[in-house]
C-alpha atoms as a PDB file:
ATOM      1  CA  UNK A   1      18.889   8.670  19.726  1.00  0.00           C
ATOM      2  CA  UNK A   2      16.529   7.576  22.454  1.00  0.00           C
ATOM      3  CA  UNK A   3      17.731   5.297  24.318  1.00  0.00           C
ATOM      4  CA  UNK A   4      15.508   1.912  24.963  1.00  0.00           C
ATOM      5  CA  UNK A   5      14.047   1.773  28.549  1.00  0.00           C
ATOM      6  CA  UNK A   6      13.468  -1.457  30.150  1.00  0.00           C
ATOM      7  CA  UNK A   7      12.444   0.221  33.222  1.00  0.00           C
ATOM      8  CA  UNK A   8       9.018  -0.978  32.646  1.00  0.00           C
ATOM      9  CA  UNK A   9       9.706  -3.818  35.020  1.00  0.00           C
ATOM     10  CA  UNK A  10       7.786  -6.983  34.516  1.00  0.00           C
ATOM     11  CA  UNK A  11       4.811  -5.437  31.447  1.00  0.00           C
ATOM     12  CA  UNK A  12       8.059  -4.588  29.907  1.00  0.00           C
ATOM     13  CA  UNK A  13       9.755  -8.003  29.957  1.00  0.00           C
ATOM     14  CA  UNK A  14       6.654  -9.455  29.034  1.00  0.00           C
ATOM     15  CA  UNK A  15       6.181  -7.329  25.849  1.00  0.00           C
ATOM     16  CA  UNK A  16       9.762  -8.271  24.828  1.00  0.00           C
ATOM     17  CA  UNK A  17       8.826 -12.199  24.614  1.00  0.00           C
ATOM     18  CA  UNK A  18       5.988 -11.325  22.940  1.00  0.00           C
ATOM     19  CA  UNK A  19       7.180  -9.311  20.179  1.00  0.00           C
ATOM     20  CA  UNK A  20      10.291 -11.937  19.747  1.00  0.00           C
ATOM     21  CA  UNK A  21       7.238 -14.124  18.305  1.00  0.00           C
ATOM     22  CA  UNK A  22       6.793 -11.394  15.464  1.00  0.00           C
ATOM     23  CA  UNK A  23      10.105 -11.934  14.177  1.00  0.00           C
ATOM     24  CA  UNK A  24      12.759 -14.738  12.590  1.00  0.00           C
ATOM     25  CA  UNK A  25      15.294 -15.367  15.265  1.00  0.00           C
ATOM     26  CA  UNK A  26      18.497 -14.744  13.005  1.00  0.00           C
ATOM     27  CA  UNK A  27      16.813 -13.079  10.255  1.00  0.00           C
ATOM     28  CA  UNK A  28      15.918  -9.498   9.666  1.00  0.00           C
ATOM     29  CA  UNK A  29      11.978 -11.495   8.687  1.00  0.00           C
ATOM     30  CA  UNK A  30       8.909 -11.672  10.277  1.00  0.00           C
ATOM     31  CA  UNK A  31       7.939 -15.157  11.524  1.00  0.00           C
ATOM     32  CA  UNK A  32       5.722 -17.313   9.223  1.00  0.00           C
ATOM     33  CA  UNK A  33       3.285 -18.438  11.608  1.00  0.00           C
ATOM     34  CA  UNK A  34       2.823 -14.638  12.606  1.00  0.00           C
ATOM     35  CA  UNK A  35       1.846 -13.216   8.979  1.00  0.00           C
ATOM     36  CA  UNK A  36      -0.340 -16.294   8.406  1.00  0.00           C
ATOM     37  CA  UNK A  37      -2.612 -15.583  11.132  1.00  0.00           C
ATOM     38  CA  UNK A  38      -5.410 -13.458   9.482  1.00  0.00           C
ATOM     39  CA  UNK A  39      -3.968 -13.515   6.014  1.00  0.00           C
ATOM     40  CA  UNK A  40      -1.843 -10.930   6.630  1.00  0.00           C
ATOM     41  CA  UNK A  41      -0.901  -8.587   3.679  1.00  0.00           C
ATOM     42  CA  UNK A  42       3.474  -8.418   3.842  1.00  0.00           C
ATOM     43  CA  UNK A  43       6.012  -6.571   1.575  1.00  0.00           C
ATOM     44  CA  UNK A  44       9.088  -4.967   1.659  1.00  0.00           C
ATOM     45  CA  UNK A  45       9.495  -1.258   1.333  1.00  0.00           C
ATOM     46  CA  UNK A  46      11.971   1.184   0.691  1.00  0.00           C
ATOM     47  CA  UNK A  47      12.207   3.285   4.127  1.00  0.00           C
ATOM     48  CA  UNK A  48      14.897   2.093   6.496  1.00  0.00           C
ATOM     49  CA  UNK A  49      13.911   4.751   8.957  1.00  0.00           C
ATOM     50  CA  UNK A  50      10.896   6.465  10.251  1.00  0.00           C
ATOM     51  CA  UNK A  51      12.320   9.297   9.303  1.00  0.00           C
ATOM     52  CA  UNK A  52      12.507   8.654   5.511  1.00  0.00           C
ATOM     53  CA  UNK A  53       9.800  10.064   2.902  1.00  0.00           C
ATOM     54  CA  UNK A  54       6.663  11.054   5.613  1.00  0.00           C
ATOM     55  CA  UNK A  55       6.676   7.404   6.747  1.00  0.00           C
ATOM     56  CA  UNK A  56       6.225   8.813  10.093  1.00  0.00           C
ATOM     57  CA  UNK A  57       2.844  10.535   9.285  1.00  0.00           C
ATOM     58  CA  UNK A  58       1.748   8.008   7.076  1.00  0.00           C
ATOM     59  CA  UNK A  59       2.404   5.684   9.761  1.00  0.00           C
ATOM     60  CA  UNK A  60       0.819   7.596  12.938  1.00  0.00           C
ATOM     61  CA  UNK A  61      -2.317   8.087  10.128  1.00  0.00           C
ATOM     62  CA  UNK A  62      -2.538   4.109   9.631  1.00  0.00           C
ATOM     63  CA  UNK A  63      -2.495   3.319  14.023  1.00  0.00           C
ATOM     64  CA  UNK A  64      -5.664   5.912  13.975  1.00  0.00           C
ATOM     65  CA  UNK A  65      -7.590   3.760  11.142  1.00  0.00           C
ATOM     66  CA  UNK A  66      -6.857   1.067  13.239  1.00  0.00           C
ATOM     67  CA  UNK A  67      -7.910   2.631  16.671  1.00  0.00           C
ATOM     68  CA  UNK A  68      -4.683   2.286  18.147  1.00  0.00           C
ATOM     69  CA  UNK A  69      -3.116   5.492  19.625  1.00  0.00           C
ATOM     70  CA  UNK A  70       0.135   4.288  21.137  1.00  0.00           C
ATOM     71  CA  UNK A  71       2.690   1.404  20.069  1.00  0.00           C
ATOM     72  CA  UNK A  72       5.685  -0.703  20.866  1.00  0.00           C
ATOM     73  CA  UNK A  73       8.707  -0.656  19.649  1.00  0.00           C
ATOM     74  CA  UNK A  74      11.604  -3.194  20.677  1.00  0.00           C
ATOM     75  CA  UNK A  75      14.975  -3.018  19.571  1.00  0.00           C
ATOM     76  CA  UNK A  76      16.543  -5.849  17.627  1.00  0.00           C
ATOM     77  CA  UNK A  77      19.700  -6.995  18.395  1.00  0.00           C
ATOM     78  CA  UNK A  78      21.407 -10.605  16.620  1.00  0.00           C
ATOM     79  CA  UNK A  79      18.440 -11.427  15.258  1.00  0.00           C
ATOM     80  CA  UNK A  80      16.218 -11.601  18.450  1.00  0.00           C
ATOM     81  CA  UNK A  81      14.196  -8.893  20.356  1.00  0.00           C
ATOM     82  CA  UNK A  82      15.873  -7.755  23.380  1.00  0.00           C
ATOM     83  CA  UNK A  83      14.558  -6.944  26.793  1.00  0.00           C
ATOM     84  CA  UNK A  84      14.708  -3.414  25.873  1.00  0.00           C
ATOM     85  CA  UNK A  85      11.101  -2.053  25.155  1.00  0.00           C
ATOM     86  CA  UNK A  86       9.620   1.210  24.574  1.00  0.00           C
ATOM     87  CA  UNK A  87       5.829   2.200  24.859  1.00  0.00           C
ATOM     88  CA  UNK A  88       5.198   5.141  22.053  1.00  0.00           C
ATOM     89  CA  UNK A  89       2.359   7.250  21.562  1.00  0.00           C
ATOM     90  CA  UNK A  90       1.484   7.196  17.709  1.00  0.00           C
ATOM     91  CA  UNK A  91       2.428  10.451  16.575  1.00  0.00           C
ATOM     92  CA  UNK A  92       4.832  11.516  13.971  1.00  0.00           C
ATOM     93  CA  UNK A  93       6.788  13.273  16.289  1.00  0.00           C
ATOM     94  CA  UNK A  94       6.792  10.853  18.653  1.00  0.00           C
ATOM     95  CA  UNK A  95       7.638   8.009  16.434  1.00  0.00           C
ATOM     96  CA  UNK A  96      10.788   9.977  14.985  1.00  0.00           C
ATOM     97  CA  UNK A  97      11.899  10.563  18.669  1.00  0.00           C
ATOM     98  CA  UNK A  98      11.773   7.079  19.506  1.00  0.00           C
ATOM     99  CA  UNK A  99      13.028   5.738  16.734  1.00  0.00           C
ATOM    100  CA  UNK A 100      16.754   5.902  15.725  1.00  0.00           C
ATOM    101  CA  UNK A 101      18.021   5.983  12.610  1.00  0.00           C
ATOM    102  CA  UNK A 102      19.381   2.755  10.245  1.00  0.00           C
ATOM    103  CA  UNK A 103      18.779   0.901  13.139  1.00  0.00           C
ATOM    104  CA  UNK A 104      17.358  -2.789  13.506  1.00  0.00           C
ATOM    105  CA  UNK A 105      13.703  -2.368  15.785  1.00  0.00           C
ATOM    106  CA  UNK A 106      10.434  -3.634  15.372  1.00  0.00           C
ATOM    107  CA  UNK A 107       7.207  -1.357  15.845  1.00  0.00           C
ATOM    108  CA  UNK A 108       3.779  -3.003  16.461  1.00  0.00           C
ATOM    109  CA  UNK A 109       0.568  -1.883  17.170  1.00  0.00           C
ATOM    110  CA  UNK A 110      -0.814  -3.048  21.175  1.00  0.00           C
ATOM    111  CA  UNK A 111      -2.569  -6.100  19.598  1.00  0.00           C
ATOM    112  CA  UNK A 112       0.118  -6.865  17.648  1.00  0.00           C
ATOM    113  CA  UNK A 113      -1.536  -7.752  14.247  1.00  0.00           C
ATOM    114  CA  UNK A 114       0.216  -4.022  12.359  1.00  0.00           C
ATOM    115  CA  UNK A 115       3.587  -4.282  12.608  1.00  0.00           C
ATOM    116  CA  UNK A 116       7.054  -2.501  10.453  1.00  0.00           C
ATOM    117  CA  UNK A 117      10.263  -4.129  10.997  1.00  0.00           C
ATOM    118  CA  UNK A 118      13.381  -1.836  10.286  1.00  0.00           C
ATOM    119  CA  UNK A 119      16.479  -3.428   9.133  1.00  0.00           C
ATOM    120  CA  UNK A 120      19.946  -2.578   8.016  1.00  0.00           C
ATOM    121  CA  UNK A 121      20.117  -4.223   5.057  1.00  0.00           C
ATOM    122  CA  UNK A 122      18.360  -1.748   2.386  1.00  0.00           C
ATOM    123  CA  UNK A 123      14.692  -2.239   3.498  1.00  0.00           C
ATOM    124  CA  UNK A 124      11.978  -2.586   5.944  1.00  0.00           C
ATOM    125  CA  UNK A 125       9.251  -4.648   5.965  1.00  0.00           C
ATOM    126  CA  UNK A 126       5.560  -4.113   6.527  1.00  0.00           C
ATOM    127  CA  UNK A 127       3.044  -6.379   7.117  1.00  0.00           C
ATOM    128  CA  UNK A 128      -0.583  -6.439   9.254  1.00  0.00           C
ATOM    129  CA  UNK A 129      -4.125  -5.832   7.820  1.00  0.00           C
ATOM    130  CA  UNK A 130      -4.749  -4.519   4.699  1.00  0.00           C
ATOM    131  CA  UNK A 131      -5.924  -1.391   5.472  1.00  0.00           C
ATOM    132  CA  UNK A 132      -3.213  -0.574   8.181  1.00  0.00           C
ATOM    133  CA  UNK A 133      -0.914  -1.260   5.316  1.00  0.00           C
ATOM    134  CA  UNK A 134      -2.417   0.551   2.281  1.00  0.00           C
ATOM    135  CA  UNK A 135      -2.417   3.819   4.796  1.00  0.00           C
ATOM    136  CA  UNK A 136       1.743   3.154   5.334  1.00  0.00           C
ATOM    137  CA  UNK A 137       2.233   3.545   1.806  1.00  0.00           C
ATOM    138  CA  UNK A 138       2.186   6.480  -0.896  1.00  0.00           C
ATOM    139  CA  UNK A 139       1.517   5.045  -3.475  1.00  0.00           C
ATOM    140  CA  UNK A 140      -0.492   1.333  -4.418  1.00  0.00           C
ATOM    141  CA  UNK A 141       0.804  -2.219  -2.530  1.00  0.00           C
ATOM    142  CA  UNK A 142       1.415  -3.285  -6.287  1.00  0.00           C
ATOM    143  CA  UNK A 143       3.335   0.004  -7.428  1.00  0.00           C
ATOM    144  CA  UNK A 144       5.516  -0.569  -4.244  1.00  0.00           C
ATOM    145  CA  UNK A 145       6.162  -4.252  -5.060  1.00  0.00           C
ATOM    146  CA  UNK A 146       7.450  -2.771  -8.501  1.00  0.00           C
ATOM    147  CA  UNK A 147       9.532  -0.207  -7.218  1.00  0.00           C
ATOM    148  CA  UNK A 148      10.896  -2.204  -4.401  1.00  0.00           C
ATOM    149  CA  UNK A 149      12.084  -4.986  -7.311  1.00  0.00           C
ATOM    150  CA  UNK A 150      13.505  -1.935  -9.069  1.00  0.00           C
ATOM    151  CA  UNK A 151      15.729  -0.874  -6.038  1.00  0.00           C
ATOM    152  CA  UNK A 152      16.809  -4.360  -4.621  1.00  0.00           C
ATOM    153  CA  UNK A 153      18.099  -5.226  -8.195  1.00  0.00           C
ATOM    154  CA  UNK A 154      20.089  -1.635  -8.142  1.00  0.00           C
ATOM    155  CA  UNK A 155      21.714  -2.266  -4.742  1.00  0.00           C
ATOM    156  CA  UNK A 156      21.941  -5.791  -4.706  1.00  0.00           C
ATOM    157  CA  UNK A 157      25.537  -5.803  -4.620  1.00  0.00           C
ATOM    158  CA  UNK A 158      25.512  -4.204  -1.304  1.00  0.00           C
ATOM    159  CA  UNK A 159      22.604  -5.908   0.457  1.00  0.00           C
ATOM    160  CA  UNK A 160      23.204 -10.201   0.060  1.00  0.00           C
ATOM    161  CA  UNK A 161      19.935 -11.542  -0.300  1.00  0.00           C
ATOM    162  CA  UNK A 162      17.561  -8.342  -0.335  1.00  0.00           C
ATOM    163  CA  UNK A 163      17.499  -9.585  -4.627  1.00  0.00           C
ATOM    164  CA  UNK A 164      15.980 -12.829  -2.921  1.00  0.00           C
ATOM    165  CA  UNK A 165      13.565 -10.888  -0.491  1.00  0.00           C
ATOM    166  CA  UNK A 166      11.987  -8.961  -4.030  1.00  0.00           C
ATOM    167  CA  UNK A 167      11.415 -11.983  -5.612  1.00  0.00           C
ATOM    168  CA  UNK A 168       8.899 -13.091  -2.914  1.00  0.00           C
ATOM    169  CA  UNK A 169       7.236 -10.205  -3.035  1.00  0.00           C
ATOM    170  CA  UNK A 170       7.064  -9.509  -6.898  1.00  0.00           C
ATOM    171  CA  UNK A 171       4.130  -7.001  -7.802  1.00  0.00           C
ATOM    172  CA  UNK A 172       1.076  -9.185  -8.918  1.00  0.00           C
ATOM    173  CA  UNK A 173       0.768  -7.142 -11.785  1.00  0.00           C
ATOM    174  CA  UNK A 174       3.270  -5.606 -14.347  1.00  0.00           C
ATOM    175  CA  UNK A 175       2.098  -1.770 -15.762  1.00  0.00           C
ATOM    176  CA  UNK A 176      -0.089  -1.904 -19.207  1.00  0.00           C
ATOM    177  CA  UNK A 177       0.476   0.084 -22.303  1.00  0.00           C
ATOM    178  CA  UNK A 178      -2.249  -1.098 -23.600  1.00  0.00           C
ATOM    179  CA  UNK A 179      -5.946  -2.719 -23.081  1.00  0.00           C
ATOM    180  CA  UNK A 180      -4.714  -5.321 -24.993  1.00  0.00           C
ATOM    181  CA  UNK A 181      -2.018  -6.028 -22.122  1.00  0.00           C
ATOM    182  CA  UNK A 182      -4.598  -5.629 -18.854  1.00  0.00           C
ATOM    183  CA  UNK A 183      -4.656  -8.884 -17.550  1.00  0.00           C
ATOM    184  CA  UNK A 184      -8.822 -10.617 -17.648  1.00  0.00           C
ATOM    185  CA  UNK A 185      -8.823 -10.792 -14.044  1.00  0.00           C
ATOM    186  CA  UNK A 186      -8.022  -7.716 -13.012  1.00  0.00           C
ATOM    187  CA  UNK A 187     -10.596  -4.378 -12.060  1.00  0.00           C
ATOM    188  CA  UNK A 188      -8.636  -2.412 -14.861  1.00  0.00           C
ATOM    189  CA  UNK A 189     -10.249  -5.124 -17.286  1.00  0.00           C
ATOM    190  CA  UNK A 190     -13.757  -4.612 -15.430  1.00  0.00           C
ATOM    191  CA  UNK A 191     -13.601  -0.814 -16.313  1.00  0.00           C
ATOM    192  CA  UNK A 192     -12.733  -1.598 -19.831  1.00  0.00           C
ATOM    193  CA  UNK A 193     -15.946  -3.804 -20.366  1.00  0.00           C
ATOM    194  CA  UNK A 194     -17.948  -1.756 -18.602  1.00  0.00           C
ATOM    195  CA  UNK A 195     -16.680   1.237 -21.161  1.00  0.00           C
ATOM    196  CA  UNK A 196     -17.609  -1.044 -24.046  1.00  0.00           C
ATOM    197  CA  UNK A 197     -21.192  -2.201 -22.526  1.00  0.00           C
ATOM    198  CA  UNK A 198     -22.053   2.027 -22.263  1.00  0.00           C
ATOM    199  CA  UNK A 199     -20.868   2.311 -25.827  1.00  0.00           C
ATOM    200  CA  UNK A 200     -23.017  -0.179 -27.453  1.00  0.00           C
ATOM    201  CA  UNK A 201     -25.588   0.365 -25.579  1.00  0.00           C
ATOM    202  CA  UNK A 202     -26.148  -2.371 -23.264  1.00  0.00           C
ATOM    203  CA  UNK A 203     -26.341  -0.477 -19.744  1.00  0.00           C
ATOM    204  CA  UNK A 204     -27.470   2.743 -18.190  1.00  0.00           C
ATOM    205  CA  UNK A 205     -25.261   5.691 -17.465  1.00  0.00           C
ATOM    206  CA  UNK A 206     -25.751   6.237 -14.169  1.00  0.00           C
ATOM    207  CA  UNK A 207     -24.828   2.200 -13.563  1.00  0.00           C
ATOM    208  CA  UNK A 208     -21.901   3.020 -15.524  1.00  0.00           C
ATOM    209  CA  UNK A 209     -20.654   5.401 -13.709  1.00  0.00           C
ATOM    210  CA  UNK A 210     -21.433   3.636 -10.141  1.00  0.00           C
ATOM    211  CA  UNK A 211     -19.508   0.420 -11.127  1.00  0.00           C
ATOM    212  CA  UNK A 212     -16.979   2.217 -13.174  1.00  0.00           C
ATOM    213  CA  UNK A 213     -15.942   4.135  -9.937  1.00  0.00           C
ATOM    214  CA  UNK A 214     -15.806   1.152  -8.065  1.00  0.00           C
ATOM    215  CA  UNK A 215     -13.658  -0.675  -9.962  1.00  0.00           C
ATOM    216  CA  UNK A 216     -11.520   2.233 -10.251  1.00  0.00           C
ATOM    217  CA  UNK A 217     -11.583   2.229  -6.745  1.00  0.00           C
ATOM    218  CA  UNK A 218     -10.196  -1.230  -6.461  1.00  0.00           C
ATOM    219  CA  UNK A 219      -7.629  -0.824  -8.840  1.00  0.00           C
ATOM    220  CA  UNK A 220      -6.386   1.604  -7.253  1.00  0.00           C
ATOM    221  CA  UNK A 221      -6.328  -0.272  -3.924  1.00  0.00           C
ATOM    222  CA  UNK A 222      -4.720  -3.414  -5.705  1.00  0.00           C
ATOM    223  CA  UNK A 223      -1.956  -1.496  -7.029  1.00  0.00           C
ATOM    224  CA  UNK A 224      -2.587  -1.871 -10.878  1.00  0.00           C
ATOM    225  CA  UNK A 225      -0.483   0.399 -12.661  1.00  0.00           C
ATOM    226  CA  UNK A 226      -0.933   2.146 -16.445  1.00  0.00           C
ATOM    227  CA  UNK A 227       1.501   3.583 -18.432  1.00  0.00           C
ATOM    228  CA  UNK A 228       1.598   7.129 -19.902  1.00  0.00           C
ATOM    229  CA  UNK A 229      -1.050   7.592 -22.683  1.00  0.00           C
ATOM    230  CA  UNK A 230      -3.011   4.303 -21.304  1.00  0.00           C
ATOM    231  CA  UNK A 231      -3.629   6.187 -17.573  1.00  0.00           C
ATOM    232  CA  UNK A 232      -4.351   9.408 -19.418  1.00  0.00           C
ATOM    233  CA  UNK A 233      -6.988   8.426 -21.520  1.00  0.00           C
ATOM    234  CA  UNK A 234      -8.507   6.362 -18.325  1.00  0.00           C
ATOM    235  CA  UNK A 235      -8.054   9.714 -16.140  1.00  0.00           C
ATOM    236  CA  UNK A 236      -9.837  11.179 -18.747  1.00  0.00           C
ATOM    237  CA  UNK A 237     -12.796   9.481 -17.829  1.00  0.00           C
ATOM    238  CA  UNK A 238     -12.584   9.763 -14.306  1.00  0.00           C
ATOM    239  CA  UNK A 239     -12.330  13.366 -15.154  1.00  0.00           C
ATOM    240  CA  UNK A 240     -15.968  13.714 -17.197  1.00  0.00           C
ATOM    241  CA  UNK A 241     -17.470  11.692 -14.647  1.00  0.00           C
ATOM    242  CA  UNK A 242     -16.288  14.054 -11.813  1.00  0.00           C
ATOM    243  CA  UNK A 243     -18.564  16.498 -14.611  1.00  0.00           C
ATOM    244  CA  UNK A 244     -21.745  14.025 -14.573  1.00  0.00           C
ATOM    245  CA  UNK A 245     -24.461  14.267 -11.644  1.00  0.00           C
ATOM    246  CA  UNK A 246     -25.513  10.968 -10.695  1.00  0.00           C
ATOM    247  CA  UNK A 247     -28.571  12.592  -9.276  1.00  0.00           C
ATOM    248  CA  UNK A 248     -30.415  15.035 -11.149  1.00  0.00           C
ATOM    249  CA  UNK A 249     -32.098  17.112  -9.078  1.00  0.00           C
ATOM    250  CA  UNK A 250     -28.516  17.709  -8.042  1.00  0.00           C
ATOM    251  CA  UNK A 251     -27.182  18.696 -11.724  1.00  0.00           C
ATOM    252  CA  UNK A 252     -25.240  22.025 -11.259  1.00  0.00           C
ATOM    253  CA  UNK A 253     -24.263  24.476 -14.356  1.00  0.00           C
ATOM    254  CA  UNK A 254     -21.237  23.435 -16.221  1.00  0.00           C
ATOM    255  CA  UNK A 255     -22.161  19.276 -15.595  1.00  0.00           C
ATOM    256  CA  UNK A 256     -22.148  17.005 -18.357  1.00  0.00           C
ATOM    257  CA  UNK A 257     -25.648  14.952 -19.642  1.00  0.00           C
ATOM    258  CA  UNK A 258     -25.756  11.531 -20.072  1.00  0.00           C
ATOM    259  CA  UNK A 259     -25.521  11.425 -23.634  1.00  0.00           C
ATOM    260  CA  UNK A 260     -22.245  13.647 -23.611  1.00  0.00           C
ATOM    261  CA  UNK A 261     -20.722  11.117 -20.583  1.00  0.00           C
ATOM    262  CA  UNK A 262     -21.680   8.222 -23.399  1.00  0.00           C
ATOM    263  CA  UNK A 263     -20.004  10.375 -26.480  1.00  0.00           C
ATOM    264  CA  UNK A 264     -16.508  11.127 -24.370  1.00  0.00           C
ATOM    265  CA  UNK A 265     -16.541   6.917 -22.905  1.00  0.00           C
ATOM    266  CA  UNK A 266     -16.786   6.207 -26.856  1.00  0.00           C
ATOM    267  CA  UNK A 267     -14.381   8.927 -27.900  1.00  0.00           C
ATOM    268  CA  UNK A 268     -11.988   7.693 -25.410  1.00  0.00           C
ATOM    269  CA  UNK A 269     -12.799   3.815 -26.475  1.00  0.00           C
ATOM    270  CA  UNK A 270     -11.884   4.462 -29.876  1.00  0.00           C
ATOM    271  CA  UNK A 271      -8.722   5.800 -28.729  1.00  0.00           C
ATOM    272  CA  UNK A 272      -7.801   2.628 -26.445  1.00  0.00           C
ATOM    273  CA  UNK A 273      -8.234   0.739 -29.234  1.00  0.00           C
ATOM    274  CA  UNK A 274      -5.168   2.295 -31.238  1.00  0.00           C
ATOM    275  CA  UNK A 275      -3.098   1.435 -28.316  1.00  0.00           C
ATOM    276  CA  UNK A 276      -0.335  -0.789 -28.612  1.00  0.00           C
END
């Protein structure tokens, strides 16, 4: 375990006071005013240590996406950020060495727009720019919320308040078993509408591919979740598109034609309609 150093003088004391503004006094939560600034995305995560589940590598990658080469670590004591602060390189090995296991600590990027609050109460909090948050996760945002929701109810007896936290950050969407369950404002609903339009000849194959892939990307980013057979069928459309050449001049042997892609989507559409 690395001892947090306060030997940096005035810079460290000033940074400690600045970091303290990110955390609620007397609580293992982020300050509401900080969260509201720039409409940050925030959610609790299962990892309670930088060592858990490859989190260090994901955080380092997320920091690189934001152009940050270093960050600040502050130890949390009795709900406050203490004056002991450490500057750390945003590299997996450096993060693992600097952050003790199962401790209350705050890790923030230099501009303080993105941060992780580690707690000893069975969870950590992740907040910041959606690009940073997504890069820190090994699943979509909504799936991460759903996993924490299930976990919180399992461990409720050991960690007071964790269920309330999970309820505050409940997943936007629940997982869907069939098209009839899909929320009409979701990206998955748009994918289904595009498939129906292609099947009924209301749009060109090339336009379908472009718009369907865009909707699929947004669905993944938003954490929309499909169950079992529904997920398999939608993945089948993606694999078919992967064998389709948008530019005819770049068509390789084995690529499928417009007609073959439409036939594949039509078969999948019929199978989707049979799901209950």
